[in-house]
Amino acid sequence: MVRIIADSTCDLSEEILKKYNIGIAPLTINIDGREYKDKVDIQPDEFYSMMESFDEPPRTSMPNPGEFIKLFEESIADGCDEVLCICMSSGTSGAYQSAVIARDDFFKENDKIKIYVVDSKCMSHGSGYLVIESAILREKGATFQELINFNEMYKMNVKHFLAVDDLDHLIKSGRLSNASAVIGKLLRIKPIMSMRQGKGAIVAKERGKKRVLKHYIKEYKKRIDENYNDFIIIGYTSDIRVAYNLEKLFLKEVDFEGKIYIMQMGVSVGAHVGLGAVSMYFIEKDNLKTGLMKSEFDKMMDNKNDFIKKFKK
């Protein structure tokens, strides 16, 4: 039996975590000299209500390897012999490296389970998207290797859009390149971020949240992979109303019959993106990317087509 685990930056709701028995290794947040475990010692709404009163910017740190080892041990106790661990991009967090260290240390004394650690190249609900889809595929009978294949084949296809009200949090945390940040602040607009090679970067700029939401819909229509269109995720930090506004606009503009998940970004992610952020995640179609030979691209597409035929009937 396969257990799926992740670090807390996947930002999935308690409902989803319980439904699919997802194990979570929490990140640690340092707030004015005190340490809290994400969604254990402090909840998102509590954190956001305090955010403007902090003396210093909150700092986050990766889960220590012991958090992952506890999850491995729990998996064995639950009768699982295979563990799929999906972590936030190694380009933005040390969670992936911590999970790898935990796996290697665990194997020195225990060979009862197989463990695979995914560097998702995603952030927040991007890795959460992979977790949900992996859980759905597991219910459809996907093997451990097929779940690994799915994550490695599709992790670069999880499209991220995230707009923030204030770039200061991203600049101070180093989650955004200085060049991108300076441009955004000078123009005084709403920057829209995505992931490039596992790191956050500004990919568009709009004036006002209404234009931001319209930008999301326009890009969705242009990019969506119709073969993998089961659900989308809409995220928010402090204001759920903007998430509902995006959902309403999306349903008005798009003929969509899948599931729309609206979920709050947790403390670890919120510490970097700040108040008023809104995001959207979906699977985008493939393009022949620079550096990938056409023969390699064609082989990848054949593998994906075989996977879709099996699990997307």
C-alpha atoms as a PDB file:
ATOM      1  CA  MET A   1       0.000   0.000   0.000  1.00  0.00           C
ATOM      2  CA  VAL A   2       1.263   3.479  -0.932  1.00  0.00           C
ATOM      3  CA  ARG A   3       1.344   6.328   1.584  1.00  0.00           C
ATOM      4  CA  ILE A   4       1.622   9.879   0.263  1.00  0.00           C
ATOM      5  CA  ILE A   5       3.365  12.505   2.371  1.00  0.00           C
ATOM      6  CA  ALA A   6       4.408  16.115   1.789  1.00  0.00           C
ATOM      7  CA  ASP A   7       5.794  19.144   3.571  1.00  0.00           C
ATOM      8  CA  SER A   8       3.385  21.769   4.886  1.00  0.00           C
ATOM      9  CA  THR A   9       3.933  24.156   1.968  1.00  0.00           C
ATOM     10  CA  CYS A  10       1.558  22.029  -0.128  1.00  0.00           C
ATOM     11  CA  ASP A  11      -1.144  24.078   1.670  1.00  0.00           C
ATOM     12  CA  LEU A  12      -3.861  21.451   1.382  1.00  0.00           C
ATOM     13  CA  SER A  13      -6.993  21.705   3.509  1.00  0.00           C
ATOM     14  CA  GLU A  14      -7.580  19.441   6.500  1.00  0.00           C
ATOM     15  CA  GLU A  15     -10.472  17.907   4.585  1.00  0.00           C
ATOM     16  CA  ILE A  16      -8.191  16.791   1.755  1.00  0.00           C
ATOM     17  CA  LEU A  17      -5.450  15.601   4.116  1.00  0.00           C
ATOM     18  CA  LYS A  18      -7.900  13.428   6.038  1.00  0.00           C
ATOM     19  CA  LYS A  19      -9.729  12.172   2.954  1.00  0.00           C
ATOM     20  CA  TYR A  20      -6.543  10.849   1.355  1.00  0.00           C
ATOM     21  CA  ASN A  21      -4.544  10.160   4.557  1.00  0.00           C
ATOM     22  CA  ILE A  22      -1.763  12.564   3.574  1.00  0.00           C
ATOM     23  CA  GLY A  23       1.095  12.883   6.077  1.00  0.00           C
ATOM     24  CA  ILE A  24       2.562  16.359   6.584  1.00  0.00           C
ATOM     25  CA  ALA A  25       6.033  17.426   7.761  1.00  0.00           C
ATOM     26  CA  PRO A  26       5.578  20.981   9.063  1.00  0.00           C
ATOM     27  CA  LEU A  27       7.971  23.821   8.388  1.00  0.00           C
ATOM     28  CA  THR A  28       8.995  26.047  11.291  1.00  0.00           C
ATOM     29  CA  ILE A  29       8.247  29.780  11.427  1.00  0.00           C
ATOM     30  CA  ASN A  30      10.205  32.167  13.641  1.00  0.00           C
ATOM     31  CA  ILE A  31       8.059  35.149  14.661  1.00  0.00           C
ATOM     32  CA  ASP A  32       9.726  37.816  16.793  1.00  0.00           C
ATOM     33  CA  GLY A  33      12.001  35.250  18.434  1.00  0.00           C
ATOM     34  CA  ARG A  34       9.408  32.506  18.968  1.00  0.00           C
ATOM     35  CA  GLU A  35       9.198  29.319  16.899  1.00  0.00           C
ATOM     36  CA  TYR A  36       5.955  27.810  15.622  1.00  0.00           C
ATOM     37  CA  LYS A  37       5.228  24.744  13.529  1.00  0.00           C
ATOM     38  CA  ASP A  38       3.141  25.542  10.461  1.00  0.00           C
ATOM     39  CA  LYS A  39      -0.556  24.692  11.026  1.00  0.00           C
ATOM     40  CA  VAL A  40       0.353  22.926  14.289  1.00  0.00           C
ATOM     41  CA  ASP A  41       1.236  25.724  16.710  1.00  0.00           C
ATOM     42  CA  ILE A  42      -0.230  28.534  14.616  1.00  0.00           C
ATOM     43  CA  GLN A  43      -3.074  28.632  12.077  1.00  0.00           C
ATOM     44  CA  PRO A  44      -3.186  30.815   8.930  1.00  0.00           C
ATOM     45  CA  ASP A  45      -5.960  33.190  10.013  1.00  0.00           C
ATOM     46  CA  GLU A  46      -4.223  33.768  13.340  1.00  0.00           C
ATOM     47  CA  PHE A  47      -0.953  34.466  11.555  1.00  0.00           C
ATOM     48  CA  TYR A  48      -2.441  36.876   8.999  1.00  0.00           C
ATOM     49  CA  SER A  49      -4.271  38.833  11.695  1.00  0.00           C
ATOM     50  CA  MET A  50      -0.922  39.382  13.436  1.00  0.00           C
ATOM     51  CA  MET A  51       1.204  40.006  10.372  1.00  0.00           C
ATOM     52  CA  GLU A  52       1.209  43.799  10.285  1.00  0.00           C
ATOM     53  CA  SER A  53       2.254  44.006  13.934  1.00  0.00           C
ATOM     54  CA  PHE A  54       5.451  41.944  13.663  1.00  0.00           C
ATOM     55  CA  ASP A  55       8.636  43.692  14.803  1.00  0.00           C
ATOM     56  CA  GLU A  56      10.694  41.743  12.251  1.00  0.00           C
ATOM     57  CA  PRO A  57       9.804  39.797   9.086  1.00  0.00           C
ATOM     58  CA  PRO A  58       8.923  36.162   9.904  1.00  0.00           C
ATOM     59  CA  ARG A  59      11.550  33.594   8.964  1.00  0.00           C
ATOM     60  CA  THR A  60      10.834  30.056   7.865  1.00  0.00           C
ATOM     61  CA  SER A  61      12.986  26.952   8.063  1.00  0.00           C
ATOM     62  CA  MET A  62      12.650  23.516   6.510  1.00  0.00           C
ATOM     63  CA  PRO A  63      11.316  20.519   8.431  1.00  0.00           C
ATOM     64  CA  ASN A  64      14.164  18.698  10.119  1.00  0.00           C
ATOM     65  CA  PRO A  65      14.790  15.143   8.881  1.00  0.00           C
ATOM     66  CA  GLY A  66      13.224  13.761  12.050  1.00  0.00           C
ATOM     67  CA  GLU A  67       9.796  15.049  10.956  1.00  0.00           C
ATOM     68  CA  PHE A  68      10.002  12.942   7.799  1.00  0.00           C
ATOM     69  CA  ILE A  69      11.350   9.916   9.667  1.00  0.00           C
ATOM     70  CA  LYS A  70       8.324  10.061  11.985  1.00  0.00           C
ATOM     71  CA  LEU A  71       6.091   9.925   8.918  1.00  0.00           C
ATOM     72  CA  PHE A  72       8.034   6.947   7.528  1.00  0.00           C
ATOM     73  CA  GLU A  73       7.576   5.124  10.835  1.00  0.00           C
ATOM     74  CA  GLU A  74       3.868   5.963  10.925  1.00  0.00           C
ATOM     75  CA  SER A  75       3.515   4.604   7.399  1.00  0.00           C
ATOM     76  CA  ILE A  76       4.984   1.245   8.428  1.00  0.00           C
ATOM     77  CA  ALA A  77       2.705   1.156  11.478  1.00  0.00           C
ATOM     78  CA  ASP A  78      -0.273   1.755   9.164  1.00  0.00           C
ATOM     79  CA  GLY A  79       0.731  -1.204   7.004  1.00  0.00           C
ATOM     80  CA  CYS A  80       2.237   0.778   4.130  1.00  0.00           C
ATOM     81  CA  ASP A  81       5.327  -0.548   2.367  1.00  0.00           C
ATOM     82  CA  GLU A  82       5.773   2.295  -0.147  1.00  0.00           C
ATOM     83  CA  VAL A  83       6.001   6.039   0.528  1.00  0.00           C
ATOM     84  CA  LEU A  84       5.758   8.820  -2.043  1.00  0.00           C
ATOM     85  CA  CYS A  85       7.078  12.086  -0.597  1.00  0.00           C
ATOM     86  CA  ILE A  86       6.274  15.251  -2.592  1.00  0.00           C
ATOM     87  CA  CYS A  87       8.232  18.344  -1.560  1.00  0.00           C
ATOM     88  CA  MET A  88       8.274  22.013  -2.465  1.00  0.00           C
ATOM     89  CA  SER A  89      10.809  22.958  -5.140  1.00  0.00           C
ATOM     90  CA  SER A  90      14.420  22.587  -4.032  1.00  0.00           C
ATOM     91  CA  GLY A  91      14.966  26.005  -5.634  1.00  0.00           C
ATOM     92  CA  THR A  92      12.824  27.712  -2.991  1.00  0.00           C
ATOM     93  CA  SER A  93      12.994  25.480   0.086  1.00  0.00           C
ATOM     94  CA  GLY A  94      15.277  22.990   1.821  1.00  0.00           C
ATOM     95  CA  ALA A  95      12.404  20.566   2.479  1.00  0.00           C
ATOM     96  CA  TYR A  96      13.429  18.316  -0.411  1.00  0.00           C
ATOM     97  CA  GLN A  97      17.012  18.005   0.864  1.00  0.00           C
ATOM     98  CA  SER A  98      15.733  17.310   4.378  1.00  0.00           C
ATOM     99  CA  ALA A  99      13.468  14.530   3.086  1.00  0.00           C
ATOM    100  CA  VAL A 100      16.353  12.973   1.137  1.00  0.00           C
ATOM    101  CA  ILE A 101      18.558  13.012   4.249  1.00  0.00           C
ATOM    102  CA  ALA A 102      15.729  11.419   6.245  1.00  0.00           C
ATOM    103  CA  ARG A 103      15.250   8.717   3.600  1.00  0.00           C
ATOM    104  CA  ASP A 104      18.947   7.871   3.496  1.00  0.00           C
ATOM    105  CA  ASP A 105      19.230   7.773   7.305  1.00  0.00           C
ATOM    106  CA  PHE A 106      16.075   5.693   7.598  1.00  0.00           C
ATOM    107  CA  PHE A 107      17.341   3.106   5.127  1.00  0.00           C
ATOM    108  CA  LYS A 108      20.492   2.546   7.201  1.00  0.00           C
ATOM    109  CA  GLU A 109      18.401   0.722   9.801  1.00  0.00           C
ATOM    110  CA  ASN A 110      15.174  -0.160   7.999  1.00  0.00           C
ATOM    111  CA  ASP A 111      14.433  -1.738   4.629  1.00  0.00           C
ATOM    112  CA  LYS A 112      10.755  -2.515   5.174  1.00  0.00           C
ATOM    113  CA  ILE A 113       9.504   0.197   2.818  1.00  0.00           C
ATOM    114  CA  LYS A 114      10.352   1.845  -0.472  1.00  0.00           C
ATOM    115  CA  ILE A 115      10.627   5.648  -0.375  1.00  0.00           C
ATOM    116  CA  TYR A 116      10.705   8.032  -3.326  1.00  0.00           C
ATOM    117  CA  VAL A 117      11.194  11.786  -2.826  1.00  0.00           C
ATOM    118  CA  VAL A 118       9.874  14.141  -5.524  1.00  0.00           C
ATOM    119  CA  ASP A 119      11.443  17.554  -6.085  1.00  0.00           C
ATOM    120  CA  SER A 120       8.164  19.018  -7.307  1.00  0.00           C
ATOM    121  CA  LYS A 121       9.655  22.204  -8.826  1.00  0.00           C
ATOM    122  CA  CYS A 122       6.436  23.743  -7.500  1.00  0.00           C
ATOM    123  CA  MET A 123       5.384  26.020  -4.685  1.00  0.00           C
ATOM    124  CA  SER A 124       2.317  26.102  -2.438  1.00  0.00           C
ATOM    125  CA  HIS A 125      -0.743  24.566  -4.095  1.00  0.00           C
ATOM    126  CA  GLY A 126       1.441  23.614  -7.060  1.00  0.00           C
ATOM    127  CA  SER A 127       2.937  20.740  -5.081  1.00  0.00           C
ATOM    128  CA  GLY A 128      -0.517  20.358  -3.533  1.00  0.00           C
ATOM    129  CA  TYR A 129      -1.860  19.737  -7.041  1.00  0.00           C
ATOM    130  CA  LEU A 130       0.558  16.846  -7.489  1.00  0.00           C
ATOM    131  CA  VAL A 131      -0.416  15.450  -4.081  1.00  0.00           C
ATOM    132  CA  ILE A 132      -4.153  15.486  -4.871  1.00  0.00           C
ATOM    133  CA  GLU A 133      -3.702  13.991  -8.324  1.00  0.00           C
ATOM    134  CA  SER A 134      -1.390  11.300  -6.941  1.00  0.00           C
ATOM    135  CA  ALA A 135      -4.026  10.397  -4.353  1.00  0.00           C
ATOM    136  CA  ILE A 136      -6.724  10.191  -7.037  1.00  0.00           C
ATOM    137  CA  LEU A 137      -4.501   7.991  -9.215  1.00  0.00           C
ATOM    138  CA  ARG A 138      -3.752   5.762  -6.225  1.00  0.00           C
ATOM    139  CA  GLU A 139      -7.502   5.248  -5.796  1.00  0.00           C
ATOM    140  CA  LYS A 140      -7.728   4.306  -9.473  1.00  0.00           C
ATOM    141  CA  GLY A 141      -5.183   1.552  -8.892  1.00  0.00           C
ATOM    142  CA  ALA A 142      -1.947   3.231  -9.972  1.00  0.00           C
ATOM    143  CA  THR A 143       1.152   1.388  -8.802  1.00  0.00           C
ATOM    144  CA  PHE A 144       3.955   3.020  -6.843  1.00  0.00           C
ATOM    145  CA  GLN A 145       6.065   3.263 -10.000  1.00  0.00           C
ATOM    146  CA  GLU A 146       3.173   4.755 -11.968  1.00  0.00           C
ATOM    147  CA  LEU A 147       2.730   7.431  -9.282  1.00  0.00           C
ATOM    148  CA  ILE A 148       6.434   8.211  -9.498  1.00  0.00           C
ATOM    149  CA  ASN A 149       6.181   8.395 -13.288  1.00  0.00           C
ATOM    150  CA  PHE A 150       3.208  10.759 -13.101  1.00  0.00           C
ATOM    151  CA  ASN A 151       5.033  13.179 -10.808  1.00  0.00           C
ATOM    152  CA  GLU A 152       8.212  13.184 -12.847  1.00  0.00           C
ATOM    153  CA  MET A 153       6.316  13.529 -16.140  1.00  0.00           C
ATOM    154  CA  TYR A 154       3.928  16.290 -15.069  1.00  0.00           C
ATOM    155  CA  LYS A 155       5.613  18.325 -12.351  1.00  0.00           C
ATOM    156  CA  MET A 156       6.900  20.860 -14.891  1.00  0.00           C
ATOM    157  CA  ASN A 157       3.367  21.160 -16.309  1.00  0.00           C
ATOM    158  CA  VAL A 158       1.736  22.452 -13.130  1.00  0.00           C
ATOM    159  CA  LYS A 159       1.087  26.069 -14.075  1.00  0.00           C
ATOM    160  CA  HIS A 160       1.387  28.588 -11.264  1.00  0.00           C
ATOM    161  CA  PHE A 161      -0.082  32.065 -11.170  1.00  0.00           C
ATOM    162  CA  LEU A 162       0.263  34.063  -7.969  1.00  0.00           C
ATOM    163  CA  ALA A 163      -0.303  37.790  -7.520  1.00  0.00           C
ATOM    164  CA  VAL A 164       0.757  39.678  -4.419  1.00  0.00           C
ATOM    165  CA  ASP A 165      -0.220  43.079  -3.042  1.00  0.00           C
ATOM    166  CA  ASP A 166       3.232  43.892  -1.708  1.00  0.00           C
ATOM    167  CA  LEU A 167       6.578  42.663  -3.039  1.00  0.00           C
ATOM    168  CA  ASP A 168       8.481  43.478   0.157  1.00  0.00           C
ATOM    169  CA  HIS A 169       7.887  40.035   1.689  1.00  0.00           C
ATOM    170  CA  LEU A 170       9.200  38.266  -1.417  1.00  0.00           C
ATOM    171  CA  ILE A 171      12.234  40.539  -1.666  1.00  0.00           C
ATOM    172  CA  LYS A 172      13.226  40.103   1.972  1.00  0.00           C
ATOM    173  CA  SER A 173      12.804  36.345   1.836  1.00  0.00           C
ATOM    174  CA  GLY A 174      14.853  36.002  -1.345  1.00  0.00           C
ATOM    175  CA  ARG A 175      11.989  34.181  -3.087  1.00  0.00           C
ATOM    176  CA  LEU A 176      12.096  36.692  -5.936  1.00  0.00           C
ATOM    177  CA  SER A 177      15.084  37.840  -7.971  1.00  0.00           C
ATOM    178  CA  ASN A 178      16.171  41.415  -7.294  1.00  0.00           C
ATOM    179  CA  ALA A 179      15.753  42.430 -10.931  1.00  0.00           C
ATOM    180  CA  SER A 180      12.147  41.207 -11.086  1.00  0.00           C
ATOM    181  CA  ALA A 181      11.367  42.781  -7.729  1.00  0.00           C
ATOM    182  CA  VAL A 182      12.768  46.207  -8.620  1.00  0.00           C
ATOM    183  CA  ILE A 183      10.776  46.314 -11.844  1.00  0.00           C
ATOM    184  CA  GLY A 184       7.569  45.444 -10.023  1.00  0.00           C
ATOM    185  CA  LYS A 185       8.044  48.057  -7.294  1.00  0.00           C
ATOM    186  CA  LEU A 186       8.984  50.824  -9.714  1.00  0.00           C
ATOM    187  CA  LEU A 187       5.897  50.320 -11.860  1.00  0.00           C
ATOM    188  CA  ARG A 188       3.581  50.109  -8.823  1.00  0.00           C
ATOM    189  CA  ILE A 189       1.476  47.398 -10.357  1.00  0.00           C
ATOM    190  CA  LYS A 190       0.224  43.951  -9.394  1.00  0.00           C
ATOM    191  CA  PRO A 191       3.016  41.562 -10.337  1.00  0.00           C
ATOM    192  CA  ILE A 192       2.013  38.038 -11.342  1.00  0.00           C
ATOM    193  CA  MET A 193       4.471  35.309 -10.461  1.00  0.00           C
ATOM    194  CA  SER A 194       5.009  31.836 -11.840  1.00  0.00           C
ATOM    195  CA  MET A 195       7.747  29.212 -11.592  1.00  0.00           C
ATOM    196  CA  ARG A 196      10.772  29.125 -13.883  1.00  0.00           C
ATOM    197  CA  GLN A 197      13.247  26.293 -13.403  1.00  0.00           C
ATOM    198  CA  GLY A 198      11.968  25.748  -9.884  1.00  0.00           C
ATOM    199  CA  LYS A 199      12.175  29.392  -8.757  1.00  0.00           C
ATOM    200  CA  GLY A 200       9.659  32.207  -8.559  1.00  0.00           C
ATOM    201  CA  ALA A 201       9.756  34.925 -11.214  1.00  0.00           C
ATOM    202  CA  ILE A 202       7.498  37.738 -12.350  1.00  0.00           C
ATOM    203  CA  VAL A 203       5.897  36.739 -15.652  1.00  0.00           C
ATOM    204  CA  ALA A 204       3.277  39.471 -16.091  1.00  0.00           C
ATOM    205  CA  LYS A 205       2.125  42.786 -14.653  1.00  0.00           C
ATOM    206  CA  GLU A 206      -1.426  44.085 -14.335  1.00  0.00           C
ATOM    207  CA  ARG A 207      -3.039  47.133 -12.760  1.00  0.00           C
ATOM    208  CA  GLY A 208      -5.623  46.127 -10.168  1.00  0.00           C
ATOM    209  CA  LYS A 209      -6.946  42.774  -9.020  1.00  0.00           C
ATOM    210  CA  LYS A 210      -9.745  42.662 -11.583  1.00  0.00           C
ATOM    211  CA  ARG A 211      -7.166  42.679 -14.361  1.00  0.00           C
ATOM    212  CA  VAL A 212      -5.139  40.066 -12.503  1.00  0.00           C
ATOM    213  CA  LEU A 213      -8.124  37.708 -12.396  1.00  0.00           C
ATOM    214  CA  LYS A 214      -8.869  38.283 -16.073  1.00  0.00           C
ATOM    215  CA  HIS A 215      -5.220  37.543 -16.860  1.00  0.00           C
ATOM    216  CA  TYR A 216      -5.514  34.185 -15.074  1.00  0.00           C
ATOM    217  CA  ILE A 217      -8.576  33.238 -17.140  1.00  0.00           C
ATOM    218  CA  LYS A 218      -6.969  34.324 -20.423  1.00  0.00           C
ATOM    219  CA  GLU A 219      -3.846  32.291 -19.714  1.00  0.00           C
ATOM    220  CA  TYR A 220      -5.882  29.279 -18.610  1.00  0.00           C
ATOM    221  CA  LYS A 221      -7.762  29.223 -21.911  1.00  0.00           C
ATOM    222  CA  LYS A 222      -4.521  29.467 -23.847  1.00  0.00           C
ATOM    223  CA  ARG A 223      -2.516  26.930 -21.849  1.00  0.00           C
ATOM    224  CA  ILE A 224      -4.833  24.267 -20.441  1.00  0.00           C
ATOM    225  CA  ASP A 225      -4.116  20.626 -21.238  1.00  0.00           C
ATOM    226  CA  GLU A 226      -7.554  19.281 -22.143  1.00  0.00           C
ATOM    227  CA  ASN A 227      -6.353  15.740 -21.413  1.00  0.00           C
ATOM    228  CA  TYR A 228      -5.665  16.706 -17.795  1.00  0.00           C
ATOM    229  CA  ASN A 229      -8.470  19.056 -16.863  1.00  0.00           C
ATOM    230  CA  ASP A 230     -10.001  17.356 -13.799  1.00  0.00           C
ATOM    231  CA  PHE A 231      -9.633  20.219 -11.333  1.00  0.00           C
ATOM    232  CA  ILE A 232      -8.064  23.572 -10.634  1.00  0.00           C
ATOM    233  CA  ILE A 233      -6.903  25.062  -7.342  1.00  0.00           C
ATOM    234  CA  ILE A 234      -7.541  28.667  -6.316  1.00  0.00           C
ATOM    235  CA  GLY A 235      -5.481  29.881  -3.382  1.00  0.00           C
ATOM    236  CA  TYR A 236      -5.602  32.934  -1.134  1.00  0.00           C
ATOM    237  CA  THR A 237      -3.847  34.229   1.958  1.00  0.00           C
ATOM    238  CA  SER A 238      -5.943  36.661   3.994  1.00  0.00           C
ATOM    239  CA  ASP A 239      -9.020  37.451   1.869  1.00  0.00           C
ATOM    240  CA  ILE A 240     -11.213  34.575   0.684  1.00  0.00           C
ATOM    241  CA  ARG A 241     -13.481  37.005  -1.171  1.00  0.00           C
ATOM    242  CA  VAL A 242     -10.931  37.479  -3.950  1.00  0.00           C
ATOM    243  CA  ALA A 243     -10.783  33.686  -4.364  1.00  0.00           C
ATOM    244  CA  TYR A 244     -14.568  33.545  -4.728  1.00  0.00           C
ATOM    245  CA  ASN A 245     -14.408  36.401  -7.240  1.00  0.00           C
ATOM    246  CA  LEU A 246     -11.932  34.407  -9.317  1.00  0.00           C
ATOM    247  CA  GLU A 247     -14.116  31.300  -9.119  1.00  0.00           C
ATOM    248  CA  LYS A 248     -17.184  33.297 -10.237  1.00  0.00           C
ATOM    249  CA  LEU A 249     -15.335  34.844 -13.179  1.00  0.00           C
ATOM    250  CA  PHE A 250     -13.811  31.509 -14.137  1.00  0.00           C
ATOM    251  CA  LEU A 251     -17.193  29.743 -14.281  1.00  0.00           C
ATOM    252  CA  LYS A 252     -18.623  32.633 -16.307  1.00  0.00           C
ATOM    253  CA  GLU A 253     -15.802  32.613 -18.861  1.00  0.00           C
ATOM    254  CA  VAL A 254     -14.891  28.914 -19.066  1.00  0.00           C
ATOM    255  CA  ASP A 255     -16.923  25.813 -19.871  1.00  0.00           C
ATOM    256  CA  PHE A 256     -15.602  23.724 -16.999  1.00  0.00           C
ATOM    257  CA  GLU A 257     -17.108  20.615 -15.419  1.00  0.00           C
ATOM    258  CA  GLY A 258     -14.278  19.656 -13.075  1.00  0.00           C
ATOM    259  CA  LYS A 259     -13.690  20.388  -9.407  1.00  0.00           C
ATOM    260  CA  ILE A 260     -12.616  23.810  -8.158  1.00  0.00           C
ATOM    261  CA  TYR A 261     -10.718  23.698  -4.874  1.00  0.00           C
ATOM    262  CA  ILE A 262     -10.494  26.950  -2.914  1.00  0.00           C
ATOM    263  CA  MET A 263      -7.827  26.664  -0.220  1.00  0.00           C
ATOM    264  CA  GLN A 264      -5.913  29.047   1.985  1.00  0.00           C
ATOM    265  CA  MET A 265      -2.153  29.389   1.755  1.00  0.00           C
ATOM    266  CA  GLY A 266      -0.503  28.345   4.985  1.00  0.00           C
ATOM    267  CA  VAL A 267       1.800  30.231   7.312  1.00  0.00           C
ATOM    268  CA  SER A 268       5.060  29.143   5.654  1.00  0.00           C
ATOM    269  CA  VAL A 269       3.991  30.398   2.235  1.00  0.00           C
ATOM    270  CA  GLY A 270       2.097  33.413   3.586  1.00  0.00           C
ATOM    271  CA  ALA A 271       5.205  34.617   5.413  1.00  0.00           C
ATOM    272  CA  HIS A 272       6.790  35.174   1.988  1.00  0.00           C
ATOM    273  CA  VAL A 273       3.857  36.367  -0.149  1.00  0.00           C
ATOM    274  CA  GLY A 274       2.052  38.517   2.421  1.00  0.00           C
ATOM    275  CA  LEU A 275      -1.549  39.678   2.763  1.00  0.00           C
ATOM    276  CA  GLY A 276      -3.999  39.828  -0.132  1.00  0.00           C
ATOM    277  CA  ALA A 277      -2.348  37.224  -2.383  1.00  0.00           C
ATOM    278  CA  VAL A 278      -4.427  35.170  -4.825  1.00  0.00           C
ATOM    279  CA  SER A 279      -3.280  32.207  -6.912  1.00  0.00           C
ATOM    280  CA  MET A 280      -4.423  29.656  -9.468  1.00  0.00           C
ATOM    281  CA  TYR A 281      -3.017  26.254 -10.488  1.00  0.00           C
ATOM    282  CA  PHE A 282      -3.747  23.834 -13.324  1.00  0.00           C
ATOM    283  CA  ILE A 283      -2.011  21.443 -15.738  1.00  0.00           C
ATOM    284  CA  GLU A 284      -0.779  23.171 -18.876  1.00  0.00           C
ATOM    285  CA  LYS A 285      -0.112  21.512 -22.219  1.00  0.00           C
ATOM    286  CA  ASP A 286       3.375  20.636 -23.370  1.00  0.00           C
ATOM    287  CA  ASN A 287       5.621  22.700 -25.581  1.00  0.00           C
ATOM    288  CA  LEU A 288       8.931  21.764 -27.163  1.00  0.00           C
ATOM    289  CA  LYS A 289      11.140  23.392 -24.552  1.00  0.00           C
ATOM    290  CA  THR A 290      14.593  24.792 -25.268  1.00  0.00           C
ATOM    291  CA  GLY A 291      17.305  22.219 -24.689  1.00  0.00           C
ATOM    292  CA  LEU A 292      15.051  19.223 -25.253  1.00  0.00           C
ATOM    293  CA  MET A 293      15.689  17.313 -28.473  1.00  0.00           C
ATOM    294  CA  LYS A 294      12.639  16.608 -30.606  1.00  0.00           C
ATOM    295  CA  SER A 295      13.178  12.864 -30.287  1.00  0.00           C
ATOM    296  CA  GLU A 296      13.219  13.195 -26.486  1.00  0.00           C
ATOM    297  CA  PHE A 297      10.096  15.353 -26.590  1.00  0.00           C
ATOM    298  CA  ASP A 298       8.272  12.838 -28.808  1.00  0.00           C
ATOM    299  CA  LYS A 299       9.195   9.989 -26.457  1.00  0.00           C
ATOM    300  CA  MET A 300       7.946  11.985 -23.473  1.00  0.00           C
ATOM    301  CA  MET A 301       4.653  12.660 -25.261  1.00  0.00           C
ATOM    302  CA  ASP A 302       4.244   8.966 -26.122  1.00  0.00           C
ATOM    303  CA  ASN A 303       4.734   8.079 -22.449  1.00  0.00           C
ATOM    304  CA  LYS A 304       2.179  10.686 -21.398  1.00  0.00           C
ATOM    305  CA  ASN A 305      -0.325   9.491 -23.996  1.00  0.00           C
ATOM    306  CA  ASP A 306       0.017   5.916 -22.724  1.00  0.00           C
ATOM    307  CA  PHE A 307      -0.519   7.148 -19.177  1.00  0.00           C
ATOM    308  CA  ILE A 308      -3.593   9.158 -20.147  1.00  0.00           C
ATOM    309  CA  LYS A 309      -5.127   6.195 -22.013  1.00  0.00           C
ATOM    310  CA  LYS A 310      -4.822   4.072 -18.880  1.00  0.00           C
ATOM    311  CA  PHE A 311      -6.033   6.546 -16.252  1.00  0.00           C
ATOM    312  CA  LYS A 312      -8.154   9.103 -18.110  1.00  0.00           C
ATOM    313  CA  LYS A 313     -10.694   6.913 -19.837  1.00  0.00           C
END
